[in-house]
C-alpha atoms as a PDB file:
ATOM      1  CA  ALA A   1      -8.648   6.614 -19.361  1.00  0.00           C
ATOM      2  CA  ALA A   2     -11.845   5.207 -20.419  1.00  0.00           C
ATOM      3  CA  ASP A   3     -14.535   5.525 -17.419  1.00  0.00           C
ATOM      4  CA  VAL A   4     -17.947   6.110 -16.466  1.00  0.00           C
ATOM      5  CA  PHE A   5     -19.233   8.384 -13.867  1.00  0.00           C
ATOM      6  CA  ILE A   6     -21.779   8.364 -11.886  1.00  0.00           C
ATOM      7  CA  LYS A   7     -22.374  11.907  -9.875  1.00  0.00           C
ATOM      8  CA  ARG A   8     -24.875  13.386  -7.698  1.00  0.00           C
ATOM      9  CA  ALA A   9     -24.783  14.864  -4.507  1.00  0.00           C
ATOM     10  CA  LYS A  10     -23.466  12.585  -2.465  1.00  0.00           C
ATOM     11  CA  TYR A  11     -22.919   8.381  -2.079  1.00  0.00           C
ATOM     12  CA  ASN A  12     -20.965   6.418   0.434  1.00  0.00           C
ATOM     13  CA  GLY A  13     -19.679   3.747  -2.291  1.00  0.00           C
ATOM     14  CA  GLY A  14     -19.486   0.936  -5.404  1.00  0.00           C
ATOM     15  CA  ARG A  15     -19.092  -2.249  -6.277  1.00  0.00           C
ATOM     16  CA  ALA A  16     -19.129  -4.142  -9.076  1.00  0.00           C
ATOM     17  CA  THR A  17     -17.704  -7.475 -10.888  1.00  0.00           C
ATOM     18  CA  ILE A  18     -14.695  -6.743 -13.157  1.00  0.00           C
ATOM     19  CA  SER A  19     -13.118  -8.834 -15.676  1.00  0.00           C
ATOM     20  CA  VAL A  20      -9.306 -10.160 -15.221  1.00  0.00           C
ATOM     21  CA  TRP A  21      -7.119  -9.701 -17.988  1.00  0.00           C
ATOM     22  CA  ASN A  22      -3.197  -9.510 -18.248  1.00  0.00           C
ATOM     23  CA  PRO A  23      -2.481  -6.223 -20.776  1.00  0.00           C
ATOM     24  CA  LYS A  24       0.692  -5.894 -21.930  1.00  0.00           C
ATOM     25  CA  VAL A  25       2.482  -2.691 -20.571  1.00  0.00           C
ATOM     26  CA  GLU A  26       5.416  -1.210 -22.839  1.00  0.00           C
ATOM     27  CA  ALA A  27       6.783   0.892 -20.432  1.00  0.00           C
ATOM     28  CA  ALA A  28       8.923   0.025 -17.203  1.00  0.00           C
ATOM     29  CA  GLU A  29       7.235   3.427 -15.506  1.00  0.00           C
ATOM     30  CA  GLU A  30       3.433   3.107 -17.483  1.00  0.00           C
ATOM     31  CA  LEU A  31       0.823   0.753 -16.145  1.00  0.00           C
ATOM     32  CA  SER A  32      -2.388  -1.101 -16.597  1.00  0.00           C
ATOM     33  CA  ALA A  33      -5.286  -0.839 -14.505  1.00  0.00           C
ATOM     34  CA  SER A  34      -9.288  -1.159 -13.749  1.00  0.00           C
ATOM     35  CA  LEU A  35     -10.454   0.184 -10.619  1.00  0.00           C
ATOM     36  CA  ILE A  36     -13.935   1.391  -9.026  1.00  0.00           C
ATOM     37  CA  GLY A  37     -13.256   5.411  -8.018  1.00  0.00           C
ATOM     38  CA  ILE A  38     -13.869   7.248  -5.547  1.00  0.00           C
ATOM     39  CA  THR A  39     -13.951  10.969  -5.078  1.00  0.00           C
ATOM     40  CA  MET A  40     -14.815  13.590  -2.376  1.00  0.00           C
ATOM     41  CA  ASN A  41     -13.674  16.699  -0.989  1.00  0.00           C
ATOM     42  CA  ASP A  42     -13.815  18.655  -4.892  1.00  0.00           C
ATOM     43  CA  LYS A  43     -11.609  16.139  -6.154  1.00  0.00           C
ATOM     44  CA  ASN A  44      -8.403  16.648  -3.926  1.00  0.00           C
ATOM     45  CA  ILE A  45      -9.386  12.861  -2.368  1.00  0.00           C
ATOM     46  CA  HIS A  46      -9.376   9.518  -4.595  1.00  0.00           C
ATOM     47  CA  LEU A  47     -10.083   5.786  -3.091  1.00  0.00           C
ATOM     48  CA  HIS A  48      -9.212   3.075  -5.323  1.00  0.00           C
ATOM     49  CA  ALA A  49      -9.875  -0.727  -5.456  1.00  0.00           C
ATOM     50  CA  GLY A  50      -9.214  -3.074  -8.441  1.00  0.00           C
ATOM     51  CA  TRP A  51      -6.498  -4.421  -9.952  1.00  0.00           C
ATOM     52  CA  LEU A  52      -3.393  -3.202 -11.484  1.00  0.00           C
ATOM     53  CA  THR A  53      -0.418  -3.620 -13.858  1.00  0.00           C
ATOM     54  CA  ASN A  54       2.766  -2.497 -13.840  1.00  0.00           C
ATOM     55  CA  GLY A  55       5.944  -2.298 -15.566  1.00  0.00           C
ATOM     56  CA  PHE A  56       8.014  -3.439 -12.806  1.00  0.00           C
ATOM     57  CA  ASP A  57       8.615  -0.133 -11.267  1.00  0.00           C
ATOM     58  CA  PRO A  58       7.915   0.542  -7.662  1.00  0.00           C
ATOM     59  CA  LEU A  59       4.344   2.409  -7.158  1.00  0.00           C
ATOM     60  CA  CYS A  60       2.869   3.053  -4.014  1.00  0.00           C
ATOM     61  CA  TYR A  61      -0.237   1.063  -3.588  1.00  0.00           C
ATOM     62  CA  ASN A  62      -1.700  -2.038  -1.180  1.00  0.00           C
ATOM     63  CA  LEU A  63       0.291  -2.080   2.471  1.00  0.00           C
ATOM     64  CA  GLN A  64       3.469  -0.015   0.456  1.00  0.00           C
ATOM     65  CA  CYS A  65       1.173   3.287   1.242  1.00  0.00           C
ATOM     66  CA  PRO A  66       0.831   4.840   4.820  1.00  0.00           C
ATOM     67  CA  GLY A  67      -2.852   4.473   5.972  1.00  0.00           C
ATOM     68  CA  PHE A  68      -4.686   1.650   4.724  1.00  0.00           C
ATOM     69  CA  VAL A  69      -5.512  -1.039   7.928  1.00  0.00           C
ATOM     70  CA  GLN A  70      -5.796  -4.579   6.632  1.00  0.00           C
ATOM     71  CA  THR A  71      -7.945  -6.653   8.596  1.00  0.00           C
ATOM     72  CA  ASN A  72      -7.977  -9.885   6.317  1.00  0.00           C
ATOM     73  CA  THR A  73      -5.432 -12.266   6.789  1.00  0.00           C
ATOM     74  CA  HIS A  74      -5.494 -14.809   4.653  1.00  0.00           C
ATOM     75  CA  THR A  75      -5.494 -12.569   1.477  1.00  0.00           C
ATOM     76  CA  ILE A  76      -2.092 -10.760   0.256  1.00  0.00           C
ATOM     77  CA  LEU A  77      -2.773  -7.316  -1.345  1.00  0.00           C
ATOM     78  CA  ASP A  78      -0.193  -7.403  -3.734  1.00  0.00           C
ATOM     79  CA  SER A  79      -0.290 -10.984  -5.092  1.00  0.00           C
ATOM     80  CA  TYR A  80      -1.078 -12.204  -8.271  1.00  0.00           C
ATOM     81  CA  LEU A  81      -4.536 -12.790  -9.837  1.00  0.00           C
ATOM     82  CA  GLU A  82      -5.024 -16.274 -11.422  1.00  0.00           C
ATOM     83  CA  PRO A  83      -6.543 -16.907 -13.438  1.00  0.00           C
ATOM     84  CA  VAL A  84      -6.940 -14.498 -15.600  1.00  0.00           C
ATOM     85  CA  SER A  85      -9.838 -14.042 -18.707  1.00  0.00           C
ATOM     86  CA  ASP A  86      -8.949 -15.554 -22.583  1.00  0.00           C
ATOM     87  CA  TYR A  87      -9.119 -13.760 -25.500  1.00  0.00           C
ATOM     88  CA  GLY A  88     -12.102 -15.610 -26.862  1.00  0.00           C
ATOM     89  CA  GLY A  89     -12.414 -18.471 -24.143  1.00  0.00           C
ATOM     90  CA  ALA A  90     -12.998 -18.750 -20.561  1.00  0.00           C
ATOM     91  CA  GLN A  91     -13.578 -15.187 -18.813  1.00  0.00           C
ATOM     92  CA  TYR A  92     -13.067 -14.767 -15.384  1.00  0.00           C
ATOM     93  CA  ALA A  93     -13.510 -11.701 -12.822  1.00  0.00           C
ATOM     94  CA  ILE A  94     -13.450 -10.082  -9.538  1.00  0.00           C
ATOM     95  CA  ASP A  95     -16.272  -8.714  -7.018  1.00  0.00           C
ATOM     96  CA  VAL A  96     -14.762  -5.710  -5.670  1.00  0.00           C
ATOM     97  CA  ALA A  97     -16.428  -2.611  -3.490  1.00  0.00           C
ATOM     98  CA  ILE A  98     -15.659   0.112  -1.704  1.00  0.00           C
ATOM     99  CA  SER A  99     -18.169   1.700   1.099  1.00  0.00           C
ATOM    100  CA  LYS A 100     -18.451   3.761   4.246  1.00  0.00           C
ATOM    101  CA  ASP A 101     -19.187   2.386   7.609  1.00  0.00           C
ATOM    102  CA  LYS A 102     -22.640   4.052   8.742  1.00  0.00           C
ATOM    103  CA  ASN A 103     -21.977   3.593  12.248  1.00  0.00           C
ATOM    104  CA  THR A 104     -17.551   4.514  11.964  1.00  0.00           C
ATOM    105  CA  GLY A 105     -17.337   6.410   8.646  1.00  0.00           C
ATOM    106  CA  ASN A 106     -14.421   4.612   7.803  1.00  0.00           C
ATOM    107  CA  TRP A 107     -13.787   3.249   4.086  1.00  0.00           C
ATOM    108  CA  TRP A 108     -13.837  -0.206   3.764  1.00  0.00           C
ATOM    109  CA  VAL A 109     -12.708  -2.599   0.941  1.00  0.00           C
ATOM    110  CA  TYR A 110     -14.301  -5.493  -0.104  1.00  0.00           C
ATOM    111  CA  LEU A 111     -13.327  -8.741  -2.715  1.00  0.00           C
ATOM    112  CA  GLN A 112     -15.168 -11.681  -3.063  1.00  0.00           C
ATOM    113  CA  GLY A 113     -17.859 -10.734  -0.453  1.00  0.00           C
ATOM    114  CA  SER A 114     -15.011 -10.219   2.040  1.00  0.00           C
ATOM    115  CA  ALA A 115     -13.467  -7.486   4.082  1.00  0.00           C
ATOM    116  CA  MET A 116     -10.230  -6.379   3.408  1.00  0.00           C
ATOM    117  CA  GLY A 117      -9.652  -3.798   5.396  1.00  0.00           C
ATOM    118  CA  TYR A 118     -10.207   0.238   5.579  1.00  0.00           C
ATOM    119  CA  TRP A 119      -8.844   3.400   5.063  1.00  0.00           C
ATOM    120  CA  PRO A 120      -9.485   5.341   8.910  1.00  0.00           C
ATOM    121  CA  LYS A 121     -12.027   8.709   8.303  1.00  0.00           C
ATOM    122  CA  ASP A 122      -9.205  10.027  10.404  1.00  0.00           C
ATOM    123  CA  LEU A 123      -6.439   9.459   8.245  1.00  0.00           C
ATOM    124  CA  SER A 124      -8.017  12.751   6.144  1.00  0.00           C
ATOM    125  CA  PRO A 125     -10.078  15.534   7.109  1.00  0.00           C
ATOM    126  CA  GLY A 126     -12.101  14.683   3.642  1.00  0.00           C
ATOM    127  CA  LEU A 127     -12.923  11.041   4.670  1.00  0.00           C
ATOM    128  CA  ALA A 128     -15.557  11.655   6.924  1.00  0.00           C
ATOM    129  CA  ASP A 129     -17.504  13.352   4.103  1.00  0.00           C
ATOM    130  CA  SER A 130     -19.667  11.685   1.238  1.00  0.00           C
ATOM    131  CA  ALA A 131     -18.528  11.325  -2.179  1.00  0.00           C
ATOM    132  CA  GLN A 132     -19.423  13.204  -4.792  1.00  0.00           C
ATOM    133  CA  LEU A 133     -18.112  11.033  -7.343  1.00  0.00           C
ATOM    134  CA  VAL A 134     -18.040   6.966  -8.254  1.00  0.00           C
ATOM    135  CA  SER A 135     -16.831   5.899 -11.384  1.00  0.00           C
ATOM    136  CA  PHE A 136     -15.369   2.828 -12.827  1.00  0.00           C
ATOM    137  CA  SER A 137     -12.534   2.763 -15.089  1.00  0.00           C
ATOM    138  CA  GLY A 138      -9.682   1.164 -17.198  1.00  0.00           C
ATOM    139  CA  GLU A 139      -7.071   3.009 -16.870  1.00  0.00           C
ATOM    140  CA  ILE A 140      -3.496   3.419 -18.627  1.00  0.00           C
ATOM    141  CA  TYR A 141      -0.368   5.499 -17.580  1.00  0.00           C
ATOM    142  CA  ASN A 142       1.312   7.069 -21.030  1.00  0.00           C
ATOM    143  CA  SER A 143       4.808   7.961 -20.839  1.00  0.00           C
ATOM    144  CA  ASN A 144       4.916   8.537 -24.872  1.00  0.00           C
ATOM    145  CA  PRO A 145       7.838   6.087 -25.046  1.00  0.00           C
ATOM    146  CA  GLY A 146       9.925   6.717 -28.631  1.00  0.00           C
ATOM    147  CA  GLY A 147       7.753   9.975 -28.316  1.00  0.00           C
ATOM    148  CA  HIS A 148       4.666   8.105 -29.701  1.00  0.00           C
ATOM    149  CA  HIS A 149       1.658   7.120 -27.580  1.00  0.00           C
ATOM    150  CA  THR A 150       2.231   3.729 -25.818  1.00  0.00           C
ATOM    151  CA  SER A 151       1.260   0.664 -26.848  1.00  0.00           C
ATOM    152  CA  THR A 152       0.036  -0.411 -23.550  1.00  0.00           C
ATOM    153  CA  GLU A 153      -2.941  -2.403 -23.453  1.00  0.00           C
ATOM    154  CA  MET A 154      -6.071  -1.674 -21.257  1.00  0.00           C
ATOM    155  CA  GLY A 155      -7.880  -4.249 -20.026  1.00  0.00           C
ATOM    156  CA  SER A 156      -7.971  -7.086 -23.163  1.00  0.00           C
ATOM    157  CA  GLY A 157      -6.139  -5.047 -25.240  1.00  0.00           C
ATOM    158  CA  HIS A 158      -9.212  -4.637 -27.772  1.00  0.00           C
ATOM    159  CA  PHE A 159     -12.155  -2.185 -27.862  1.00  0.00           C
ATOM    160  CA  SER A 160     -15.356  -2.058 -26.207  1.00  0.00           C
ATOM    161  CA  SER A 161     -17.180  -2.979 -29.435  1.00  0.00           C
ATOM    162  CA  GLU A 162     -15.746  -6.666 -29.378  1.00  0.00           C
ATOM    163  CA  GLY A 163     -18.381  -7.402 -26.803  1.00  0.00           C
ATOM    164  CA  PHE A 164     -18.321 -10.216 -24.577  1.00  0.00           C
ATOM    165  CA  ARG A 165     -15.184 -12.588 -24.186  1.00  0.00           C
ATOM    166  CA  LYS A 166     -13.296  -9.961 -26.069  1.00  0.00           C
ATOM    167  CA  ALA A 167     -13.742  -6.820 -24.220  1.00  0.00           C
ATOM    168  CA  SER A 168     -13.189  -6.480 -20.813  1.00  0.00           C
ATOM    169  CA  PHE A 169     -16.331  -5.695 -19.003  1.00  0.00           C
ATOM    170  CA  PHE A 170     -17.612  -4.190 -15.332  1.00  0.00           C
ATOM    171  CA  ARG A 171     -20.764  -6.109 -14.554  1.00  0.00           C
ATOM    172  CA  ASN A 172     -23.837  -5.550 -11.765  1.00  0.00           C
ATOM    173  CA  VAL A 173     -22.362  -1.873 -11.462  1.00  0.00           C
ATOM    174  CA  GLU A 174     -24.294  -0.565  -8.713  1.00  0.00           C
ATOM    175  CA  VAL A 175     -23.379   2.213  -6.257  1.00  0.00           C
ATOM    176  CA  TYR A 176     -23.949   2.843  -2.399  1.00  0.00           C
ATOM    177  CA  ASP A 177     -26.259   5.955  -1.739  1.00  0.00           C
ATOM    178  CA  ASP A 178     -26.543   8.220   0.716  1.00  0.00           C
ATOM    179  CA  SER A 179     -28.973   6.216   2.956  1.00  0.00           C
ATOM    180  CA  PHE A 180     -26.477   3.236   2.689  1.00  0.00           C
ATOM    181  CA  GLN A 181     -28.191   1.106   0.219  1.00  0.00           C
ATOM    182  CA  TYR A 182     -27.013  -0.703  -2.994  1.00  0.00           C
ATOM    183  CA  VAL A 183     -28.522   1.072  -5.867  1.00  0.00           C
ATOM    184  CA  SER A 184     -28.358   0.760  -9.960  1.00  0.00           C
ATOM    185  CA  PRO A 185     -26.988   3.235 -11.769  1.00  0.00           C
ATOM    186  CA  GLY A 186     -29.827   4.694 -13.773  1.00  0.00           C
ATOM    187  CA  ALA A 187     -31.621   5.192  -9.779  1.00  0.00           C
ATOM    188  CA  ALA A 188     -28.686   6.702  -8.464  1.00  0.00           C
ATOM    189  CA  GLY A 189     -27.749   9.762 -10.674  1.00  0.00           C
ATOM    190  CA  ASP A 190     -26.499  10.944 -14.127  1.00  0.00           C
ATOM    191  CA  ILE A 191     -24.688   8.730 -15.570  1.00  0.00           C
ATOM    192  CA  THR A 192     -21.294  10.032 -17.942  1.00  0.00           C
ATOM    193  CA  VAL A 193     -19.203   8.242 -20.360  1.00  0.00           C
ATOM    194  CA  ASP A 194     -15.480   9.516 -20.814  1.00  0.00           C
ATOM    195  CA  TYR A 195     -12.760   8.449 -23.302  1.00  0.00           C
ATOM    196  CA  GLU A 196      -9.858  10.607 -23.450  1.00  0.00           C
ATOM    197  CA  HIS A 197      -8.608   9.107 -27.014  1.00  0.00           C
ATOM    198  CA  PRO A 198     -11.050   7.313 -28.382  1.00  0.00           C
ATOM    199  CA  ARG A 199      -8.498   5.881 -30.979  1.00  0.00           C
ATOM    200  CA  CYS A 200      -6.314   3.987 -28.543  1.00  0.00           C
ATOM    201  CA  TYR A 201      -9.287   3.025 -26.009  1.00  0.00           C
ATOM    202  CA  ASP A 202     -13.067   3.577 -25.726  1.00  0.00           C
ATOM    203  CA  ALA A 203     -15.653   2.457 -23.384  1.00  0.00           C
ATOM    204  CA  HIS A 204     -19.598   1.330 -24.175  1.00  0.00           C
ATOM    205  CA  THR A 205     -22.694   1.071 -22.140  1.00  0.00           C
ATOM    206  CA  VAL A 206     -25.244  -1.344 -22.391  1.00  0.00           C
ATOM    207  CA  GLY A 207     -27.010  -1.273 -19.684  1.00  0.00           C
ATOM    208  CA  ARG A 208     -28.950  -4.681 -19.292  1.00  0.00           C
ATOM    209  CA  LYS A 209     -29.611  -7.610 -21.376  1.00  0.00           C
ATOM    210  CA  GLU A 210     -30.563 -11.006 -20.709  1.00  0.00           C
ATOM    211  CA  LYS A 211     -28.558 -13.169 -22.832  1.00  0.00           C
ATOM    212  CA  LEU A 212     -25.990 -12.481 -20.927  1.00  0.00           C
ATOM    213  CA  GLY A 213     -28.051 -13.266 -17.746  1.00  0.00           C
ATOM    214  CA  ASN A 214     -27.986 -11.188 -14.574  1.00  0.00           C
ATOM    215  CA  TRP A 215     -25.033  -8.777 -15.519  1.00  0.00           C
ATOM    216  CA  GLY A 216     -27.076  -5.745 -14.122  1.00  0.00           C
ATOM    217  CA  TYR A 217     -25.925  -2.698 -15.197  1.00  0.00           C
ATOM    218  CA  TYR A 218     -22.743  -3.318 -17.336  1.00  0.00           C
ATOM    219  CA  PHE A 219     -20.534  -1.934 -19.882  1.00  0.00           C
ATOM    220  CA  PHE A 220     -17.639  -2.849 -21.966  1.00  0.00           C
ATOM    221  CA  TYR A 221     -14.011  -1.273 -22.348  1.00  0.00           C
ATOM    222  CA  GLY A 222     -10.489  -1.372 -23.373  1.00  0.00           C
ATOM    223  CA  GLY A 223      -8.250  -1.024 -26.239  1.00  0.00           C
ATOM    224  CA  PRO A 224      -5.118  -1.783 -27.409  1.00  0.00           C
ATOM    225  CA  GLY A 225      -3.057   1.647 -27.646  1.00  0.00           C
ATOM    226  CA  LYS A 226      -0.713   2.809 -30.002  1.00  0.00           C
ATOM    227  CA  SER A 227      -1.815   1.329 -33.963  1.00  0.00           C
ATOM    228  CA  ALA A 228      -0.233   2.171 -37.088  1.00  0.00           C
ATOM    229  CA  ASP A 229      -3.715   3.057 -38.494  1.00  0.00           C
ATOM    230  CA  LYS A 230      -5.980   4.637 -35.480  1.00  0.00           C
ATOM    231  CA  CYS A 231      -4.080   5.667 -32.465  1.00  0.00           C
ATOM    232  CA  SER A 232      -0.901   7.815 -33.021  1.00  0.00           C
END
């Protein structure tokens, strides 16, 4: 994983604009995803929203998992995202948010500003609480095919150092704080950047740069996975 964590006492959600790519996935049981994650109740409960590519093994997600209530009848949650970003060319992204409703306590998912559905607070006792951690992550599952690290790509399949149009990004990153207001990470708590295998995948926070316009707080991330000279 390549993650940016924002940790403090209480959060009620998070949102960001996430670049969309079509990463290569090596093995059927593997996946590559870009997600906003909400963690609560001593890390025993996790909520995620974003995009995912897998090797066609069946996974439980969206409406295949019990509990999530879809309210938007105009969007198919399991559908393909098109178009996808082109390396060095046109970039495409989606706006994703997870937030707790102040009145009902349910956790809602938003795509492009429209409500998709929610996890009821009664689904698990911990959902009635606020979150202790919000993460913005590139994720892969490594099954060690052939005894080596997977070549499954994260994001664009290129490292964060390549920057805009080449690396994947999260921009306009914000958290929904304990007063139910969206705030930038710098005002929201401690920011931690973590990547488990830096020779395979990484992340680099940039903060704010006017040359990319109104991007707010943003970071680049990604990587190619297995390579002869670095990741094995």
